[in-house]
Amino acid sequence: MCEERIKNLESIGFNWVSVYASKQRNSWDEMFEELKLFKSKHGHADVSTKDADNSKLGRWVSSQRKLYRHYKAGNKQKSKGMCEER
């Protein structure tokens, strides 16, 4: 894409990050903060999916581990954007 087209899109307030991607990133950040709180309280980050008080966090942790396994296996499509920083 040429600079002129980029400037034209930006001149009308075009957002380069979709609302969905932005919400997904915010959601990831919120869950990460929740995991940090859990770890500071319990001394570990092994959240069980069966923990009634933390079931959502447990599912998120389980999902992160699954995405990481796909990422390490080279399956970028199933890793849903897992990046080196994670």
N, C-alpha and C. Protein backbone atom coordinates (compact mmCIF):
# COMPACT_ATOMS: atom_id res chain seq x y z
N MET A 1 0.86 -1.16 0.00
CA MET A 1 0.00 0.00 0.00
C MET A 1 0.91 1.23 0.00
N CYS A 2 0.55 2.19 -0.81
CA CYS A 2 1.38 3.39 -0.91
C CYS A 2 1.05 4.38 0.21
N GLU A 3 1.98 5.28 0.45
CA GLU A 3 1.84 6.28 1.52
C GLU A 3 0.59 7.13 1.36
N GLU A 4 0.25 7.46 0.12
CA GLU A 4 -0.92 8.30 -0.12
C GLU A 4 -2.19 7.60 0.37
N ARG A 5 -2.31 6.34 0.09
CA ARG A 5 -3.50 5.60 0.53
C ARG A 5 -3.53 5.47 2.06
N ILE A 6 -2.38 5.27 2.64
CA ILE A 6 -2.30 5.19 4.10
C ILE A 6 -2.76 6.51 4.71
N LYS A 7 -2.25 7.62 4.18
CA LYS A 7 -2.63 8.94 4.69
C LYS A 7 -4.12 9.20 4.49
N ASN A 8 -4.66 8.80 3.34
CA ASN A 8 -6.09 8.99 3.09
C ASN A 8 -6.93 8.23 4.11
N LEU A 9 -6.59 7.00 4.36
CA LEU A 9 -7.33 6.20 5.34
C LEU A 9 -7.21 6.81 6.74
N GLU A 10 -6.02 7.20 7.11
CA GLU A 10 -5.82 7.79 8.43
C GLU A 10 -6.52 9.13 8.57
N SER A 11 -6.68 9.85 7.47
CA SER A 11 -7.34 11.16 7.53
C SER A 11 -8.83 11.05 7.89
N ILE A 12 -9.40 9.88 7.67
CA ILE A 12 -10.81 9.70 8.03
C ILE A 12 -10.96 8.89 9.32
N GLY A 13 -9.84 8.75 10.05
CA GLY A 13 -9.89 8.07 11.34
C GLY A 13 -9.86 6.55 11.24
N PHE A 14 -9.33 6.02 10.14
CA PHE A 14 -9.25 4.58 9.96
C PHE A 14 -8.42 3.96 11.08
N ASN A 15 -8.94 2.89 11.68
CA ASN A 15 -8.25 2.19 12.76
C ASN A 15 -7.56 0.97 12.16
N TRP A 16 -6.25 0.90 12.29
CA TRP A 16 -5.48 -0.19 11.70
C TRP A 16 -5.64 -1.50 12.47
N VAL A 17 -6.09 -1.42 13.69
CA VAL A 17 -6.34 -2.62 14.49
C VAL A 17 -7.85 -2.76 14.59
N SER A 18 -8.36 -3.91 14.20
CA SER A 18 -9.81 -4.11 14.23
C SER A 18 -10.31 -4.07 15.67
N VAL A 19 -11.56 -3.75 15.82
CA VAL A 19 -12.19 -3.71 17.15
C VAL A 19 -12.08 -5.08 17.80
N TYR A 20 -12.32 -6.13 17.02
CA TYR A 20 -12.24 -7.50 17.54
C TYR A 20 -10.84 -7.79 18.08
N ALA A 21 -9.81 -7.46 17.30
CA ALA A 21 -8.43 -7.72 17.73
C ALA A 21 -8.10 -6.90 18.97
N SER A 22 -8.58 -5.68 19.02
CA SER A 22 -8.33 -4.83 20.18
C SER A 22 -9.00 -5.41 21.43
N LYS A 23 -10.25 -5.85 21.30
CA LYS A 23 -10.96 -6.45 22.43
C LYS A 23 -10.28 -7.74 22.87
N GLN A 24 -9.81 -8.52 21.89
CA GLN A 24 -9.14 -9.77 22.20
C GLN A 24 -7.85 -9.50 22.97
N ARG A 25 -7.11 -8.49 22.58
CA ARG A 25 -5.87 -8.13 23.26
C ARG A 25 -6.17 -7.65 24.69
N ASN A 26 -7.22 -6.81 24.81
CA ASN A 26 -7.60 -6.33 26.14
C ASN A 26 -8.01 -7.49 27.03
N SER A 27 -8.75 -8.43 26.48
CA SER A 27 -9.18 -9.59 27.23
C SER A 27 -7.97 -10.41 27.70
N TRP A 28 -6.99 -10.59 26.80
CA TRP A 28 -5.78 -11.34 27.15
C TRP A 28 -5.05 -10.62 28.29
N ASP A 29 -4.93 -9.32 28.18
CA ASP A 29 -4.25 -8.53 29.21
C ASP A 29 -4.97 -8.63 30.55
N GLU A 30 -6.30 -8.59 30.53
CA GLU A 30 -7.08 -8.69 31.76
C GLU A 30 -6.88 -10.06 32.42
N MET A 31 -6.90 -11.11 31.61
CA MET A 31 -6.72 -12.46 32.17
C MET A 31 -5.29 -12.62 32.70
N PHE A 32 -4.33 -12.02 32.03
CA PHE A 32 -2.96 -12.09 32.50
C PHE A 32 -2.84 -11.40 33.87
N GLU A 33 -3.48 -10.26 34.02
CA GLU A 33 -3.47 -9.57 35.31
C GLU A 33 -4.13 -10.42 36.39
N GLU A 34 -5.23 -11.08 36.02
CA GLU A 34 -5.90 -11.96 36.97
C GLU A 34 -5.00 -13.12 37.37
N LEU A 35 -4.25 -13.66 36.42
CA LEU A 35 -3.31 -14.73 36.72
C LEU A 35 -2.20 -14.25 37.65
N LYS A 36 -1.72 -13.04 37.44
CA LYS A 36 -0.69 -12.49 38.33
C LYS A 36 -1.23 -12.37 39.75
N LEU A 37 -2.47 -11.93 39.90
CA LEU A 37 -3.07 -11.85 41.23
C LEU A 37 -3.21 -13.22 41.87
N PHE A 38 -3.64 -14.18 41.08
CA PHE A 38 -3.78 -15.56 41.56
C PHE A 38 -2.43 -16.07 42.06
N LYS A 39 -1.39 -15.84 41.27
CA LYS A 39 -0.05 -16.32 41.64
C LYS A 39 0.45 -15.65 42.91
N SER A 40 0.19 -14.37 43.06
CA SER A 40 0.65 -13.68 44.27
C SER A 40 -0.09 -14.20 45.50
N LYS A 41 -1.33 -14.60 45.33
CA LYS A 41 -2.13 -15.11 46.45
C LYS A 41 -1.80 -16.57 46.77
N HIS A 42 -1.59 -17.39 45.74
CA HIS A 42 -1.43 -18.83 45.94
C HIS A 42 0.00 -19.33 45.77
N GLY A 43 0.88 -18.50 45.23
CA GLY A 43 2.28 -18.89 45.07
C GLY A 43 2.56 -19.74 43.85
N HIS A 44 1.58 -19.94 42.99
CA HIS A 44 1.76 -20.72 41.77
C HIS A 44 0.74 -20.24 40.72
N ALA A 45 0.95 -20.71 39.50
CA ALA A 45 0.04 -20.32 38.42
C ALA A 45 -0.67 -21.54 37.83
N ASP A 46 -0.77 -22.60 38.61
CA ASP A 46 -1.45 -23.82 38.17
C ASP A 46 -2.92 -23.76 38.54
N VAL A 47 -3.67 -23.01 37.78
CA VAL A 47 -5.08 -22.80 38.05
C VAL A 47 -5.87 -23.96 37.47
N SER A 48 -6.65 -24.61 38.29
CA SER A 48 -7.45 -25.74 37.85
C SER A 48 -8.73 -25.26 37.16
N THR A 49 -9.11 -25.96 36.12
CA THR A 49 -10.38 -25.65 35.46
C THR A 49 -11.54 -26.07 36.34
N LYS A 50 -11.27 -26.89 37.34
CA LYS A 50 -12.31 -27.38 38.24
C LYS A 50 -12.47 -26.50 39.48
N ASP A 51 -11.64 -25.50 39.62
CA ASP A 51 -11.71 -24.58 40.75
C ASP A 51 -12.92 -23.67 40.56
N ALA A 52 -13.95 -23.87 41.38
CA ALA A 52 -15.22 -23.13 41.22
C ALA A 52 -15.01 -21.62 41.29
N ASP A 53 -14.08 -21.16 42.09
CA ASP A 53 -13.84 -19.73 42.24
C ASP A 53 -13.03 -19.12 41.10
N ASN A 54 -12.35 -19.97 40.35
CA ASN A 54 -11.47 -19.47 39.29
C ASN A 54 -11.62 -20.26 37.99
N SER A 55 -12.82 -20.72 37.71
CA SER A 55 -13.00 -21.59 36.53
C SER A 55 -12.67 -20.87 35.22
N LYS A 56 -13.05 -19.60 35.10
CA LYS A 56 -12.75 -18.86 33.88
C LYS A 56 -11.23 -18.71 33.70
N LEU A 57 -10.55 -18.38 34.78
CA LEU A 57 -9.10 -18.24 34.73
C LEU A 57 -8.46 -19.59 34.42
N GLY A 58 -8.97 -20.65 35.02
CA GLY A 58 -8.45 -21.99 34.76
C GLY A 58 -8.58 -22.38 33.30
N ARG A 59 -9.72 -22.06 32.69
CA ARG A 59 -9.91 -22.35 31.26
C ARG A 59 -8.95 -21.52 30.41
N TRP A 60 -8.74 -20.27 30.81
CA TRP A 60 -7.82 -19.40 30.06
C TRP A 60 -6.39 -19.95 30.13
N VAL A 61 -5.97 -20.34 31.33
CA VAL A 61 -4.62 -20.90 31.52
C VAL A 61 -4.47 -22.17 30.67
N SER A 62 -5.48 -23.03 30.71
CA SER A 62 -5.45 -24.25 29.92
C SER A 62 -5.35 -23.93 28.43
N SER A 63 -6.09 -22.93 27.99
CA SER A 63 -6.06 -22.51 26.59
C SER A 63 -4.67 -21.98 26.21
N GLN A 64 -4.05 -21.20 27.09
CA GLN A 64 -2.71 -20.66 26.81
C GLN A 64 -1.71 -21.79 26.65
N ARG A 65 -1.83 -22.81 27.48
CA ARG A 65 -0.91 -23.95 27.39
C ARG A 65 -1.11 -24.70 26.07
N LYS A 66 -2.36 -24.86 25.67
CA LYS A 66 -2.66 -25.55 24.41
C LYS A 66 -2.12 -24.75 23.23
N LEU A 67 -2.33 -23.44 23.23
CA LEU A 67 -1.81 -22.59 22.16
C LEU A 67 -0.29 -22.65 22.10
N TYR A 68 0.35 -22.71 23.27
CA TYR A 68 1.80 -22.78 23.33
C TYR A 68 2.31 -24.10 22.74
N ARG A 69 1.62 -25.20 23.05
CA ARG A 69 2.02 -26.49 22.48
C ARG A 69 1.93 -26.45 20.95
N HIS A 70 0.86 -25.89 20.43
CA HIS A 70 0.71 -25.77 18.97
C HIS A 70 1.82 -24.89 18.39
N TYR A 71 2.11 -23.81 19.09
CA TYR A 71 3.15 -22.88 18.63
C TYR A 71 4.51 -23.58 18.57
N LYS A 72 4.85 -24.29 19.64
CA LYS A 72 6.15 -24.97 19.70
C LYS A 72 6.24 -26.10 18.68
N ALA A 73 5.09 -26.69 18.33
CA ALA A 73 5.07 -27.77 17.34
C ALA A 73 5.13 -27.22 15.91
N GLY A 74 5.11 -25.89 15.79
CA GLY A 74 5.20 -25.27 14.47
C GLY A 74 3.86 -25.09 13.79
N ASN A 75 2.78 -25.32 14.52
CA ASN A 75 1.45 -25.18 13.95
C ASN A 75 0.94 -23.76 14.20
N LYS A 76 1.40 -22.84 13.38
CA LYS A 76 1.08 -21.42 13.57
C LYS A 76 -0.42 -21.14 13.43
N GLN A 77 -1.09 -21.90 12.57
CA GLN A 77 -2.53 -21.67 12.36
C GLN A 77 -3.32 -21.97 13.63
N LYS A 78 -2.99 -23.04 14.33
CA LYS A 78 -3.70 -23.39 15.55
C LYS A 78 -3.21 -22.64 16.78
N SER A 79 -2.10 -21.92 16.64
CA SER A 79 -1.58 -21.19 17.79
C SER A 79 -2.21 -19.81 17.92
N LYS A 80 -3.09 -19.44 17.00
CA LYS A 80 -3.89 -18.19 17.07
C LYS A 80 -3.07 -16.95 17.43
N GLY A 81 -1.97 -16.75 16.78
CA GLY A 81 -1.20 -15.53 17.01
C GLY A 81 -0.27 -15.59 18.20
N MET A 82 -0.04 -16.76 18.76
CA MET A 82 0.92 -16.87 19.86
C MET A 82 2.24 -16.32 19.35
N CYS A 83 2.86 -15.46 20.10
CA CYS A 83 4.07 -14.81 19.65
C CYS A 83 5.23 -15.12 20.60
N GLU A 84 6.42 -14.77 20.18
CA GLU A 84 7.63 -15.05 20.95
C GLU A 84 7.57 -14.49 22.37
N GLU A 85 6.91 -13.33 22.55
CA GLU A 85 6.89 -12.69 23.86
C GLU A 85 6.12 -13.52 24.88
N ARG A 86 5.16 -14.30 24.42
CA ARG A 86 4.35 -15.09 25.34
C ARG A 86 5.12 -16.28 25.69
